[in-house]
Amino acid sequence: MNAEFMLLAIYNSPVLTLEQVCHIVGVAKDTAYVQRSNGTFPIPMSGKPLRADVRDVALYMDKTRASAT
């Protein structure tokens, strides 16, 4: 299944909250804030509250899966 369609089916939204992204990526929220301030968080996020486009999260998942094989 395509990661983008999977995320859309699970979260029923084209944007994901920081909490949702942290759950998907497997990092603590505090770690995500530190990585964002350092410029090392792997997924672009913007807005208040922070949100990520589901396509960016899916792309990260696809890249991570490809590098694991």
N, C-alpha and C. Protein backbone atom coordinates (compact mmCIF):
# COMPACT_ATOMS: atom_id res chain seq x y z
N MET A 1 0.85 -1.18 0.00
CA MET A 1 0.00 0.00 0.00
C MET A 1 0.89 1.24 0.00
N ASN A 2 0.52 2.24 -0.71
CA ASN A 2 1.24 3.49 -0.75
C ASN A 2 1.16 4.17 0.62
N ALA A 3 2.29 4.66 1.12
CA ALA A 3 2.34 5.27 2.45
C ALA A 3 1.39 6.46 2.56
N GLU A 4 1.30 7.25 1.49
CA GLU A 4 0.40 8.42 1.54
C GLU A 4 -1.05 7.99 1.74
N PHE A 5 -1.49 7.00 0.99
CA PHE A 5 -2.87 6.53 1.12
C PHE A 5 -3.11 5.89 2.48
N MET A 6 -2.11 5.19 2.99
CA MET A 6 -2.23 4.58 4.30
C MET A 6 -2.43 5.65 5.37
N LEU A 7 -1.60 6.70 5.32
CA LEU A 7 -1.71 7.78 6.31
C LEU A 7 -3.05 8.50 6.20
N LEU A 8 -3.49 8.74 4.97
CA LEU A 8 -4.80 9.38 4.78
C LEU A 8 -5.92 8.51 5.34
N ALA A 9 -5.82 7.21 5.17
CA ALA A 9 -6.85 6.30 5.68
C ALA A 9 -6.84 6.27 7.21
N ILE A 10 -5.66 6.30 7.80
CA ILE A 10 -5.55 6.24 9.26
C ILE A 10 -5.98 7.55 9.91
N TYR A 11 -5.45 8.66 9.41
CA TYR A 11 -5.66 9.94 10.08
C TYR A 11 -6.78 10.78 9.47
N ASN A 12 -7.27 10.40 8.30
CA ASN A 12 -8.40 11.08 7.66
C ASN A 12 -8.19 12.59 7.54
N SER A 13 -6.94 12.98 7.23
CA SER A 13 -6.62 14.39 7.10
C SER A 13 -5.37 14.55 6.23
N PRO A 14 -5.31 15.61 5.42
CA PRO A 14 -4.12 15.83 4.59
C PRO A 14 -2.96 16.48 5.36
N VAL A 15 -3.22 16.90 6.60
CA VAL A 15 -2.16 17.45 7.45
C VAL A 15 -2.15 16.70 8.77
N LEU A 16 -0.95 16.56 9.33
CA LEU A 16 -0.79 15.83 10.58
C LEU A 16 -0.20 16.74 11.65
N THR A 17 -0.61 16.54 12.89
CA THR A 17 -0.09 17.32 14.00
C THR A 17 1.31 16.84 14.37
N LEU A 18 2.00 17.65 15.15
CA LEU A 18 3.32 17.25 15.63
C LEU A 18 3.24 15.94 16.40
N GLU A 19 2.23 15.78 17.23
CA GLU A 19 2.08 14.55 18.00
C GLU A 19 1.92 13.34 17.09
N GLN A 20 1.13 13.47 16.05
CA GLN A 20 0.94 12.37 15.11
C GLN A 20 2.24 12.04 14.37
N VAL A 21 2.95 13.08 13.93
CA VAL A 21 4.21 12.87 13.22
C VAL A 21 5.22 12.19 14.15
N CYS A 22 5.29 12.63 15.40
CA CYS A 22 6.22 12.01 16.35
C CYS A 22 5.90 10.53 16.54
N HIS A 23 4.62 10.20 16.61
CA HIS A 23 4.22 8.80 16.75
C HIS A 23 4.66 7.99 15.53
N ILE A 24 4.48 8.54 14.35
CA ILE A 24 4.85 7.85 13.11
C ILE A 24 6.36 7.67 13.02
N VAL A 25 7.11 8.74 13.32
CA VAL A 25 8.56 8.73 13.20
C VAL A 25 9.21 7.96 14.35
N GLY A 26 8.54 7.93 15.49
CA GLY A 26 9.08 7.21 16.65
C GLY A 26 10.03 8.05 17.48
N VAL A 27 9.73 9.35 17.60
CA VAL A 27 10.54 10.22 18.45
C VAL A 27 9.63 10.92 19.46
N ALA A 28 10.22 11.29 20.58
CA ALA A 28 9.48 12.03 21.59
C ALA A 28 9.24 13.45 21.10
N LYS A 29 8.18 14.06 21.59
CA LYS A 29 7.83 15.42 21.19
C LYS A 29 8.96 16.40 21.53
N ASP A 30 9.56 16.24 22.71
CA ASP A 30 10.68 17.12 23.10
C ASP A 30 11.85 16.97 22.13
N THR A 31 12.13 15.75 21.73
CA THR A 31 13.21 15.49 20.76
C THR A 31 12.90 16.17 19.43
N ALA A 32 11.65 16.11 19.01
CA ALA A 32 11.26 16.75 17.76
C ALA A 32 11.48 18.26 17.82
N TYR A 33 11.14 18.88 18.96
CA TYR A 33 11.36 20.32 19.11
C TYR A 33 12.84 20.66 19.03
N VAL A 34 13.68 19.86 19.68
CA VAL A 34 15.12 20.10 19.64
C VAL A 34 15.64 19.93 18.21
N GLN A 35 15.22 18.86 17.54
CA GLN A 35 15.66 18.63 16.16
C GLN A 35 15.19 19.74 15.24
N ARG A 36 13.98 20.24 15.44
CA ARG A 36 13.49 21.35 14.61
C ARG A 36 14.33 22.59 14.82
N SER A 37 14.67 22.88 16.06
CA SER A 37 15.48 24.08 16.31
C SER A 37 16.89 23.93 15.77
N ASN A 38 17.39 22.69 15.70
CA ASN A 38 18.72 22.42 15.13
C ASN A 38 18.68 22.28 13.61
N GLY A 39 17.48 22.21 13.06
CA GLY A 39 17.34 22.02 11.61
C GLY A 39 17.56 20.60 11.16
N THR A 40 17.42 19.63 12.08
CA THR A 40 17.68 18.23 11.73
C THR A 40 16.43 17.36 11.71
N PHE A 41 15.26 17.94 12.01
CA PHE A 41 14.04 17.13 11.97
C PHE A 41 13.78 16.76 10.52
N PRO A 42 13.52 15.48 10.24
CA PRO A 42 13.48 15.01 8.84
C PRO A 42 12.24 15.40 8.04
N ILE A 43 11.24 15.98 8.69
CA ILE A 43 9.99 16.29 7.99
C ILE A 43 9.68 17.78 8.15
N PRO A 44 9.44 18.49 7.04
CA PRO A 44 9.10 19.90 7.16
C PRO A 44 7.76 20.10 7.86
N MET A 45 7.74 21.06 8.78
CA MET A 45 6.51 21.38 9.51
C MET A 45 6.39 22.90 9.59
N SER A 46 5.16 23.38 9.66
CA SER A 46 4.95 24.82 9.77
C SER A 46 3.63 25.09 10.47
N GLY A 47 3.44 26.36 10.81
CA GLY A 47 2.18 26.79 11.41
C GLY A 47 2.20 26.74 12.92
N LYS A 48 1.12 27.24 13.47
CA LYS A 48 0.88 27.17 14.91
C LYS A 48 -0.53 26.70 15.09
N PRO A 49 -0.77 25.54 15.60
CA PRO A 49 0.24 24.56 16.02
C PRO A 49 0.96 23.95 14.81
N LEU A 50 2.11 23.36 15.09
CA LEU A 50 2.91 22.75 14.02
C LEU A 50 2.13 21.65 13.32
N ARG A 51 2.21 21.65 11.99
CA ARG A 51 1.56 20.63 11.17
C ARG A 51 2.48 20.25 10.03
N ALA A 52 2.31 19.01 9.56
CA ALA A 52 3.09 18.50 8.43
C ALA A 52 2.13 18.00 7.36
N ASP A 53 2.51 18.19 6.12
CA ASP A 53 1.75 17.67 5.00
C ASP A 53 1.92 16.16 4.97
N VAL A 54 0.82 15.45 4.81
CA VAL A 54 0.86 13.99 4.81
C VAL A 54 1.79 13.46 3.72
N ARG A 55 1.92 14.19 2.61
CA ARG A 55 2.80 13.75 1.52
C ARG A 55 4.26 13.78 1.96
N ASP A 56 4.64 14.77 2.77
CA ASP A 56 6.02 14.84 3.27
C ASP A 56 6.31 13.70 4.24
N VAL A 57 5.33 13.37 5.07
CA VAL A 57 5.51 12.26 6.02
C VAL A 57 5.60 10.94 5.25
N ALA A 58 4.76 10.77 4.24
CA ALA A 58 4.80 9.56 3.42
C ALA A 58 6.12 9.43 2.69
N LEU A 59 6.64 10.53 2.17
CA LEU A 59 7.93 10.52 1.49
C LEU A 59 9.04 10.09 2.45
N TYR A 60 9.00 10.61 3.67
CA TYR A 60 9.98 10.20 4.68
C TYR A 60 9.87 8.70 4.95
N MET A 61 8.65 8.20 5.09
CA MET A 61 8.45 6.77 5.34
C MET A 61 8.99 5.94 4.17
N ASP A 62 8.72 6.35 2.95
CA ASP A 62 9.19 5.62 1.78
C ASP A 62 10.72 5.61 1.70
N LYS A 63 11.35 6.76 1.97
CA LYS A 63 12.81 6.83 1.95
C LYS A 63 13.42 5.96 3.05
N THR A 64 12.82 5.99 4.23
CA THR A 64 13.32 5.19 5.34
C THR A 64 13.21 3.70 5.03
N ARG A 65 12.08 3.31 4.44
CA ARG A 65 11.88 1.91 4.08
C ARG A 65 12.88 1.48 3.01
N ALA A 66 13.12 2.33 2.02
CA ALA A 66 14.05 2.00 0.94
C ALA A 66 15.47 1.85 1.46
N SER A 67 15.86 2.69 2.41
CA SER A 67 17.23 2.60 2.94
C SER A 67 17.39 1.41 3.88
N ALA A 68 16.28 0.87 4.38
CA ALA A 68 16.35 -0.28 5.28
C ALA A 68 16.51 -1.60 4.53
N THR A 69 16.22 -1.59 3.24
CA THR A 69 16.31 -2.85 2.49
C THR A 69 17.61 -2.97 1.75
